[in-house]
Amino acid sequence: MTHIVAEPCIKCKYTDCVAVCPVDCFHEGVNMLIIDPEECIDCGACIDECPVHAIYPEEDLPEKWGEFKELNAKYSPLWPVIT
């Protein structure tokens, strides 16, 4: 199981979620952050820290943002880790 960063993160770039993450699973793109599903330990610490409510457990990801599951997995190996 993993967490997914969805559409509300676009152009947000707050890093409150990164600060509480016990592992280095957040990656930074040009206009948003994503979570590496291979690194996420499913602790949930980031969810309440996200000021724009963009992070969801995989099973709770709203259907309208379903494509963000694939985007997080696709770009996490390509974008640099943010700590």
PDB file of N, CA and C in Angstrom:
ATOM      1  N   MET A   1       0.851  -1.182   0.000  1.00  0.00           N
ATOM      2  CA  MET A   1       0.000   0.000   0.000  1.00  0.00           C
ATOM      3  C   MET A   1       0.890   1.238   0.000  1.00  0.00           C
ATOM      4  N   THR A   2       0.388   2.283  -0.570  1.00  0.00           N
ATOM      5  CA  THR A   2       1.145   3.523  -0.652  1.00  0.00           C
ATOM      6  C   THR A   2       0.196   4.703  -0.542  1.00  0.00           C
ATOM      7  N   HIS A   3       0.764   5.870  -0.530  1.00  0.00           N
ATOM      8  CA  HIS A   3      -0.017   7.104  -0.558  1.00  0.00           C
ATOM      9  C   HIS A   3       0.222   7.777  -1.900  1.00  0.00           C
ATOM     10  N   ILE A   4      -0.755   8.539  -2.333  1.00  0.00           N
ATOM     11  CA  ILE A   4      -0.727   9.179  -3.646  1.00  0.00           C
ATOM     12  C   ILE A   4      -0.888  10.686  -3.471  1.00  0.00           C
ATOM     13  N   VAL A   5      -0.059  11.444  -4.184  1.00  0.00           N
ATOM     14  CA  VAL A   5      -0.228  12.894  -4.238  1.00  0.00           C
ATOM     15  C   VAL A   5      -1.087  13.180  -5.472  1.00  0.00           C
ATOM     16  N   ALA A   6      -2.169  13.938  -5.284  1.00  0.00           N
ATOM     17  CA  ALA A   6      -3.131  14.185  -6.354  1.00  0.00           C
ATOM     18  C   ALA A   6      -3.143  15.655  -6.798  1.00  0.00           C
ATOM     19  N   GLU A   7      -4.103  15.980  -7.617  1.00  0.00           N
ATOM     20  CA  GLU A   7      -4.213  17.282  -8.282  1.00  0.00           C
ATOM     21  C   GLU A   7      -4.089  18.517  -7.388  1.00  0.00           C
ATOM     22  N   PRO A   8      -4.631  18.536  -6.167  1.00  0.00           N
ATOM     23  CA  PRO A   8      -4.515  19.756  -5.365  1.00  0.00           C
ATOM     24  C   PRO A   8      -3.068  20.205  -5.119  1.00  0.00           C
ATOM     25  N   CYS A   9      -2.107  19.324  -5.319  1.00  0.00           N
ATOM     26  CA  CYS A   9      -0.700  19.681  -5.112  1.00  0.00           C
ATOM     27  C   CYS A   9      -0.124  20.496  -6.275  1.00  0.00           C
ATOM     28  N   ILE A  10      -0.773  20.457  -7.423  1.00  0.00           N
ATOM     29  CA  ILE A  10      -0.242  21.182  -8.573  1.00  0.00           C
ATOM     30  C   ILE A  10      -0.139  22.666  -8.245  1.00  0.00           C
ATOM     31  N   LYS A  11       1.042  23.198  -8.438  1.00  0.00           N
ATOM     32  CA  LYS A  11       1.400  24.596  -8.168  1.00  0.00           C
ATOM     33  C   LYS A  11       1.336  24.958  -6.689  1.00  0.00           C
ATOM     34  N   CYS A  12       1.291  23.998  -5.821  1.00  0.00           N
ATOM     35  CA  CYS A  12       1.240  24.256  -4.391  1.00  0.00           C
ATOM     36  C   CYS A  12       2.662  24.314  -3.831  1.00  0.00           C
ATOM     37  N   LYS A  13       3.356  23.206  -3.872  1.00  0.00           N
ATOM     38  CA  LYS A  13       4.748  23.073  -3.461  1.00  0.00           C
ATOM     39  C   LYS A  13       5.033  23.353  -1.987  1.00  0.00           C
ATOM     40  N   TYR A  14       4.043  23.262  -1.119  1.00  0.00           N
ATOM     41  CA  TYR A  14       4.344  23.260   0.310  1.00  0.00           C
ATOM     42  C   TYR A  14       5.138  21.995   0.592  1.00  0.00           C
ATOM     43  N   THR A  15       5.980  22.030   1.586  1.00  0.00           N
ATOM     44  CA  THR A  15       6.758  20.835   1.911  1.00  0.00           C
ATOM     45  C   THR A  15       6.537  20.379   3.357  1.00  0.00           C
ATOM     46  N   ASP A  16       5.428  20.766   3.945  1.00  0.00           N
ATOM     47  CA  ASP A  16       5.097  20.325   5.297  1.00  0.00           C
ATOM     48  C   ASP A  16       5.055  18.798   5.353  1.00  0.00           C
ATOM     49  N   CYS A  17       4.532  18.185   4.309  1.00  0.00           N
ATOM     50  CA  CYS A  17       4.424  16.726   4.233  1.00  0.00           C
ATOM     51  C   CYS A  17       5.796  16.068   4.205  1.00  0.00           C
ATOM     52  N   VAL A  18       6.718  16.660   3.496  1.00  0.00           N
ATOM     53  CA  VAL A  18       8.080  16.130   3.382  1.00  0.00           C
ATOM     54  C   VAL A  18       8.771  16.163   4.738  1.00  0.00           C
ATOM     55  N   ALA A  19       8.547  17.228   5.488  1.00  0.00           N
ATOM     56  CA  ALA A  19       9.220  17.410   6.779  1.00  0.00           C
ATOM     57  C   ALA A  19       8.866  16.316   7.787  1.00  0.00           C
ATOM     58  N   VAL A  20       7.672  15.743   7.700  1.00  0.00           N
ATOM     59  CA  VAL A  20       7.267  14.723   8.664  1.00  0.00           C
ATOM     60  C   VAL A  20       7.472  13.296   8.166  1.00  0.00           C
ATOM     61  N   CYS A  21       7.859  13.144   6.937  1.00  0.00           N
ATOM     62  CA  CYS A  21       8.027  11.807   6.354  1.00  0.00           C
ATOM     63  C   CYS A  21       9.283  11.141   6.929  1.00  0.00           C
ATOM     64  N   PRO A  22       9.135   9.918   7.483  1.00  0.00           N
ATOM     65  CA  PRO A  22      10.295   9.236   8.064  1.00  0.00           C
ATOM     66  C   PRO A  22      11.219   8.590   7.035  1.00  0.00           C
ATOM     67  N   VAL A  23      10.805   8.557   5.771  1.00  0.00           N
ATOM     68  CA  VAL A  23      11.644   8.015   4.694  1.00  0.00           C
ATOM     69  C   VAL A  23      11.726   9.049   3.574  1.00  0.00           C
ATOM     70  N   ASP A  24      12.609   8.840   2.640  1.00  0.00           N
ATOM     71  CA  ASP A  24      12.766   9.781   1.522  1.00  0.00           C
ATOM     72  C   ASP A  24      11.930   9.334   0.327  1.00  0.00           C
ATOM     73  N   CYS A  25      10.603   9.467   0.441  1.00  0.00           N
ATOM     74  CA  CYS A  25       9.742   8.991  -0.640  1.00  0.00           C
ATOM     75  C   CYS A  25       9.154  10.115  -1.490  1.00  0.00           C
ATOM     76  N   PHE A  26       9.378  11.369  -1.111  1.00  0.00           N
ATOM     77  CA  PHE A  26       8.846  12.482  -1.893  1.00  0.00           C
ATOM     78  C   PHE A  26       9.842  12.911  -2.966  1.00  0.00           C
ATOM     79  N   HIS A  27       9.317  13.167  -4.153  1.00  0.00           N
ATOM     80  CA  HIS A  27      10.120  13.631  -5.279  1.00  0.00           C
ATOM     81  C   HIS A  27       9.513  14.938  -5.775  1.00  0.00           C
ATOM     82  N   GLU A  28      10.382  15.818  -6.274  1.00  0.00           N
ATOM     83  CA  GLU A  28       9.944  17.146  -6.689  1.00  0.00           C
ATOM     84  C   GLU A  28      10.004  17.310  -8.197  1.00  0.00           C
ATOM     85  N   GLY A  29       8.852  17.687  -8.767  1.00  0.00           N
ATOM     86  CA  GLY A  29       8.779  18.009 -10.179  1.00  0.00           C
ATOM     87  C   GLY A  29       8.701  19.513 -10.362  1.00  0.00           C
ATOM     88  N   VAL A  30       8.449  19.929 -11.561  1.00  0.00           N
ATOM     89  CA  VAL A  30       8.382  21.357 -11.867  1.00  0.00           C
ATOM     90  C   VAL A  30       7.221  22.041 -11.149  1.00  0.00           C
ATOM     91  N   ASN A  31       6.072  21.363 -11.067  1.00  0.00           N
ATOM     92  CA  ASN A  31       4.905  22.038 -10.495  1.00  0.00           C
ATOM     93  C   ASN A  31       4.188  21.270  -9.386  1.00  0.00           C
ATOM     94  N   MET A  32       4.784  20.177  -8.892  1.00  0.00           N
ATOM     95  CA  MET A  32       4.157  19.434  -7.801  1.00  0.00           C
ATOM     96  C   MET A  32       5.134  18.431  -7.198  1.00  0.00           C
ATOM     97  N   LEU A  33       4.724  17.843  -6.092  1.00  0.00           N
ATOM     98  CA  LEU A  33       5.468  16.760  -5.457  1.00  0.00           C
ATOM     99  C   LEU A  33       4.751  15.446  -5.749  1.00  0.00           C
ATOM    100  N   ILE A  34       5.496  14.341  -5.704  1.00  0.00           N
ATOM    101  CA  ILE A  34       4.900  13.021  -5.834  1.00  0.00           C
ATOM    102  C   ILE A  34       5.526  12.097  -4.802  1.00  0.00           C
ATOM    103  N   ILE A  35       4.898  10.954  -4.591  1.00  0.00           N
ATOM    104  CA  ILE A  35       5.387   9.946  -3.645  1.00  0.00           C
ATOM    105  C   ILE A  35       5.820   8.708  -4.419  1.00  0.00           C
ATOM    106  N   ASP A  36       7.007   8.215  -4.094  1.00  0.00           N
ATOM    107  CA  ASP A  36       7.512   6.983  -4.692  1.00  0.00           C
ATOM    108  C   ASP A  36       6.815   5.805  -4.005  1.00  0.00           C
ATOM    109  N   PRO A  37       6.014   5.029  -4.745  1.00  0.00           N
ATOM    110  CA  PRO A  37       5.288   3.927  -4.119  1.00  0.00           C
ATOM    111  C   PRO A  37       6.204   2.827  -3.594  1.00  0.00           C
ATOM    112  N   GLU A  38       7.425   2.755  -4.090  1.00  0.00           N
ATOM    113  CA  GLU A  38       8.379   1.750  -3.625  1.00  0.00           C
ATOM    114  C   GLU A  38       9.012   2.149  -2.292  1.00  0.00           C
ATOM    115  N   GLU A  39       9.080   3.446  -2.017  1.00  0.00           N
ATOM    116  CA  GLU A  39       9.702   3.949  -0.787  1.00  0.00           C
ATOM    117  C   GLU A  39       8.713   4.243   0.331  1.00  0.00           C
ATOM    118  N   CYS A  40       7.479   4.550  -0.027  1.00  0.00           N
ATOM    119  CA  CYS A  40       6.456   4.893   0.971  1.00  0.00           C
ATOM    120  C   CYS A  40       6.223   3.710   1.905  1.00  0.00           C
ATOM    121  N   ILE A  41       6.237   3.970   3.205  1.00  0.00           N
ATOM    122  CA  ILE A  41       6.009   2.904   4.187  1.00  0.00           C
ATOM    123  C   ILE A  41       4.580   2.936   4.734  1.00  0.00           C
ATOM    124  N   ASP A  42       3.731   3.748   4.136  1.00  0.00           N
ATOM    125  CA  ASP A  42       2.310   3.785   4.480  1.00  0.00           C
ATOM    126  C   ASP A  42       2.053   4.190   5.932  1.00  0.00           C
ATOM    127  N   CYS A  43       2.860   5.114   6.429  1.00  0.00           N
ATOM    128  CA  CYS A  43       2.691   5.539   7.824  1.00  0.00           C
ATOM    129  C   CYS A  43       1.562   6.555   7.984  1.00  0.00           C
ATOM    130  N   GLY A  44       1.265   7.318   6.921  1.00  0.00           N
ATOM    131  CA  GLY A  44       0.186   8.286   6.965  1.00  0.00           C
ATOM    132  C   GLY A  44       0.530   9.625   7.598  1.00  0.00           C
ATOM    133  N   ALA A  45       1.765   9.818   8.023  1.00  0.00           N
ATOM    134  CA  ALA A  45       2.155  11.073   8.684  1.00  0.00           C
ATOM    135  C   ALA A  45       1.953  12.288   7.787  1.00  0.00           C
ATOM    136  N   CYS A  46       2.103  12.116   6.506  1.00  0.00           N
ATOM    137  CA  CYS A  46       2.031  13.243   5.568  1.00  0.00           C
ATOM    138  C   CYS A  46       0.609  13.743   5.330  1.00  0.00           C
ATOM    139  N   ILE A  47      -0.378  12.885   5.511  1.00  0.00           N
ATOM    140  CA  ILE A  47      -1.759  13.242   5.161  1.00  0.00           C
ATOM    141  C   ILE A  47      -2.243  14.478   5.909  1.00  0.00           C
ATOM    142  N   ASP A  48      -2.136  14.492   7.199  1.00  0.00           N
ATOM    143  CA  ASP A  48      -2.631  15.621   7.992  1.00  0.00           C
ATOM    144  C   ASP A  48      -1.764  16.864   7.862  1.00  0.00           C
ATOM    145  N   GLU A  49      -0.534  16.702   7.419  1.00  0.00           N
ATOM    146  CA  GLU A  49       0.358  17.850   7.269  1.00  0.00           C
ATOM    147  C   GLU A  49       0.174  18.590   5.952  1.00  0.00           C
ATOM    148  N   CYS A  50      -0.488  17.977   4.999  1.00  0.00           N
ATOM    149  CA  CYS A  50      -0.679  18.606   3.686  1.00  0.00           C
ATOM    150  C   CYS A  50      -1.737  19.706   3.795  1.00  0.00           C
ATOM    151  N   PRO A  51      -1.338  20.975   3.614  1.00  0.00           N
ATOM    152  CA  PRO A  51      -2.293  22.073   3.785  1.00  0.00           C
ATOM    153  C   PRO A  51      -3.359  22.164   2.697  1.00  0.00           C
ATOM    154  N   VAL A  52      -3.142  21.482   1.560  1.00  0.00           N
ATOM    155  CA  VAL A  52      -4.127  21.543   0.477  1.00  0.00           C
ATOM    156  C   VAL A  52      -4.883  20.222   0.306  1.00  0.00           C
ATOM    157  N   HIS A  53      -4.665  19.296   1.237  1.00  0.00           N
ATOM    158  CA  HIS A  53      -5.358  18.006   1.230  1.00  0.00           C
ATOM    159  C   HIS A  53      -5.193  17.269  -0.101  1.00  0.00           C
ATOM    160  N   ALA A  54      -3.930  17.107  -0.504  1.00  0.00           N
ATOM    161  CA  ALA A  54      -3.618  16.470  -1.783  1.00  0.00           C
ATOM    162  C   ALA A  54      -3.130  15.037  -1.652  1.00  0.00           C
ATOM    163  N   ILE A  55      -2.952  14.537  -0.431  1.00  0.00           N
ATOM    164  CA  ILE A  55      -2.380  13.205  -0.233  1.00  0.00           C
ATOM    165  C   ILE A  55      -3.448  12.248   0.292  1.00  0.00           C
ATOM    166  N   TYR A  56      -3.522  11.086  -0.363  1.00  0.00           N
ATOM    167  CA  TYR A  56      -4.530  10.093  -0.025  1.00  0.00           C
ATOM    168  C   TYR A  56      -3.912   8.703   0.069  1.00  0.00           C
ATOM    169  N   PRO A  57      -4.412   7.874   0.985  1.00  0.00           N
ATOM    170  CA  PRO A  57      -4.051   6.464   0.916  1.00  0.00           C
ATOM    171  C   PRO A  57      -4.556   5.935  -0.435  1.00  0.00           C
ATOM    172  N   GLU A  58      -3.830   5.026  -1.017  1.00  0.00           N
ATOM    173  CA  GLU A  58      -4.184   4.504  -2.339  1.00  0.00           C
ATOM    174  C   GLU A  58      -5.646   4.081  -2.427  1.00  0.00           C
ATOM    175  N   GLU A  59      -6.141   3.414  -1.409  1.00  0.00           N
ATOM    176  CA  GLU A  59      -7.517   2.918  -1.450  1.00  0.00           C
ATOM    177  C   GLU A  59      -8.566   4.024  -1.293  1.00  0.00           C
ATOM    178  N   ASP A  60      -8.165   5.203  -0.839  1.00  0.00           N
ATOM    179  CA  ASP A  60      -9.097   6.318  -0.660  1.00  0.00           C
ATOM    180  C   ASP A  60      -8.961   7.408  -1.720  1.00  0.00           C
ATOM    181  N   LEU A  61      -8.100   7.184  -2.706  1.00  0.00           N
ATOM    182  CA  LEU A  61      -7.903   8.185  -3.759  1.00  0.00           C
ATOM    183  C   LEU A  61      -9.216   8.398  -4.510  1.00  0.00           C
ATOM    184  N   PRO A  62      -9.702   9.646  -4.571  1.00  0.00           N
ATOM    185  CA  PRO A  62     -10.941   9.893  -5.310  1.00  0.00           C
ATOM    186  C   PRO A  62     -10.804   9.452  -6.775  1.00  0.00           C
ATOM    187  N   GLU A  63     -11.846   8.872  -7.289  1.00  0.00           N
ATOM    188  CA  GLU A  63     -11.845   8.347  -8.654  1.00  0.00           C
ATOM    189  C   GLU A  63     -11.445   9.406  -9.679  1.00  0.00           C
ATOM    190  N   LYS A  64     -11.879  10.648  -9.449  1.00  0.00           N
ATOM    191  CA  LYS A  64     -11.575  11.711 -10.412  1.00  0.00           C
ATOM    192  C   LYS A  64     -10.076  11.978 -10.531  1.00  0.00           C
ATOM    193  N   TRP A  65      -9.284  11.522  -9.560  1.00  0.00           N
ATOM    194  CA  TRP A  65      -7.827  11.702  -9.601  1.00  0.00           C
ATOM    195  C   TRP A  65      -7.089  10.379  -9.759  1.00  0.00           C
ATOM    196  N   GLY A  66      -7.768   9.380 -10.273  1.00  0.00           N
ATOM    197  CA  GLY A  66      -7.192   8.054 -10.428  1.00  0.00           C
ATOM    198  C   GLY A  66      -5.898   8.019 -11.210  1.00  0.00           C
ATOM    199  N   GLU A  67      -5.755   8.892 -12.198  1.00  0.00           N
ATOM    200  CA  GLU A  67      -4.540   8.899 -13.024  1.00  0.00           C
ATOM    201  C   GLU A  67      -3.296   9.297 -12.237  1.00  0.00           C
ATOM    202  N   PHE A  68      -3.474   9.921 -11.081  1.00  0.00           N
ATOM    203  CA  PHE A  68      -2.325  10.334 -10.279  1.00  0.00           C
ATOM    204  C   PHE A  68      -1.598   9.142  -9.655  1.00  0.00           C
ATOM    205  N   LYS A  69      -2.263   8.020  -9.513  1.00  0.00           N
ATOM    206  CA  LYS A  69      -1.585   6.814  -9.032  1.00  0.00           C
ATOM    207  C   LYS A  69      -0.484   6.436 -10.020  1.00  0.00           C
ATOM    208  N   GLU A  70      -0.817   6.408 -11.290  1.00  0.00           N
ATOM    209  CA  GLU A  70       0.159   6.071 -12.325  1.00  0.00           C
ATOM    210  C   GLU A  70       1.225   7.155 -12.470  1.00  0.00           C
ATOM    211  N   LEU A  71       0.827   8.420 -12.343  1.00  0.00           N
ATOM    212  CA  LEU A  71       1.798   9.514 -12.453  1.00  0.00           C
ATOM    213  C   LEU A  71       2.833   9.463 -11.337  1.00  0.00           C
ATOM    214  N   ASN A  72       2.398   9.184 -10.109  1.00  0.00           N
ATOM    215  CA  ASN A  72       3.339   9.075  -8.990  1.00  0.00           C
ATOM    216  C   ASN A  72       4.341   7.953  -9.259  1.00  0.00           C
ATOM    217  N   ALA A  73       3.859   6.804  -9.709  1.00  0.00           N
ATOM    218  CA  ALA A  73       4.741   5.663  -9.984  1.00  0.00           C
ATOM    219  C   ALA A  73       5.665   5.932 -11.171  1.00  0.00           C
ATOM    220  N   LYS A  74       5.148   6.579 -12.198  1.00  0.00           N
ATOM    221  CA  LYS A  74       5.930   6.825 -13.416  1.00  0.00           C
ATOM    222  C   LYS A  74       7.063   7.817 -13.192  1.00  0.00           C
ATOM    223  N   TYR A  75       6.771   8.911 -12.480  1.00  0.00           N
ATOM    224  CA  TYR A  75       7.756   9.979 -12.367  1.00  0.00           C
ATOM    225  C   TYR A  75       8.673   9.883 -11.151  1.00  0.00           C
ATOM    226  N   SER A  76       8.330   9.070 -10.165  1.00  0.00           N
ATOM    227  CA  SER A  76       9.195   8.982  -8.996  1.00  0.00           C
ATOM    228  C   SER A  76      10.621   8.536  -9.328  1.00  0.00           C
ATOM    229  N   PRO A  77      10.839   7.628 -10.279  1.00  0.00           N
ATOM    230  CA  PRO A  77      12.229   7.287 -10.604  1.00  0.00           C
ATOM    231  C   PRO A  77      12.949   8.386 -11.397  1.00  0.00           C
ATOM    232  N   LEU A  78      12.197   9.299 -11.977  1.00  0.00           N
ATOM    233  CA  LEU A  78      12.783  10.316 -12.849  1.00  0.00           C
ATOM    234  C   LEU A  78      13.044  11.653 -12.136  1.00  0.00           C
ATOM    235  N   TRP A  79      12.209  11.987 -11.162  1.00  0.00           N
ATOM    236  CA  TRP A  79      12.328  13.265 -10.474  1.00  0.00           C
ATOM    237  C   TRP A  79      13.214  13.123  -9.255  1.00  0.00           C
ATOM    238  N   PRO A  80      13.919  14.199  -8.883  1.00  0.00           N
ATOM    239  CA  PRO A  80      14.818  14.115  -7.724  1.00  0.00           C
ATOM    240  C   PRO A  80      14.071  14.027  -6.380  1.00  0.00           C
ATOM    241  N   VAL A  81      14.695  13.328  -5.453  1.00  0.00           N
ATOM    242  CA  VAL A  81      14.163  13.215  -4.099  1.00  0.00           C
ATOM    243  C   VAL A  81      14.258  14.585  -3.430  1.00  0.00           C
ATOM    244  N   ILE A  82      13.222  14.946  -2.692  1.00  0.00           N
ATOM    245  CA  ILE A  82      13.251  16.179  -1.916  1.00  0.00           C
ATOM    246  C   ILE A  82      13.204  15.786  -0.435  1.00  0.00           C
ATOM    247  N   THR A  83      14.103  16.358   0.350  1.00  0.00           N
ATOM    248  CA  THR A  83      14.157  16.025   1.777  1.00  0.00           C
ATOM    249  C   THR A  83      14.061  17.278   2.613  1.00  0.00           C
TER     250      THR A  83
END
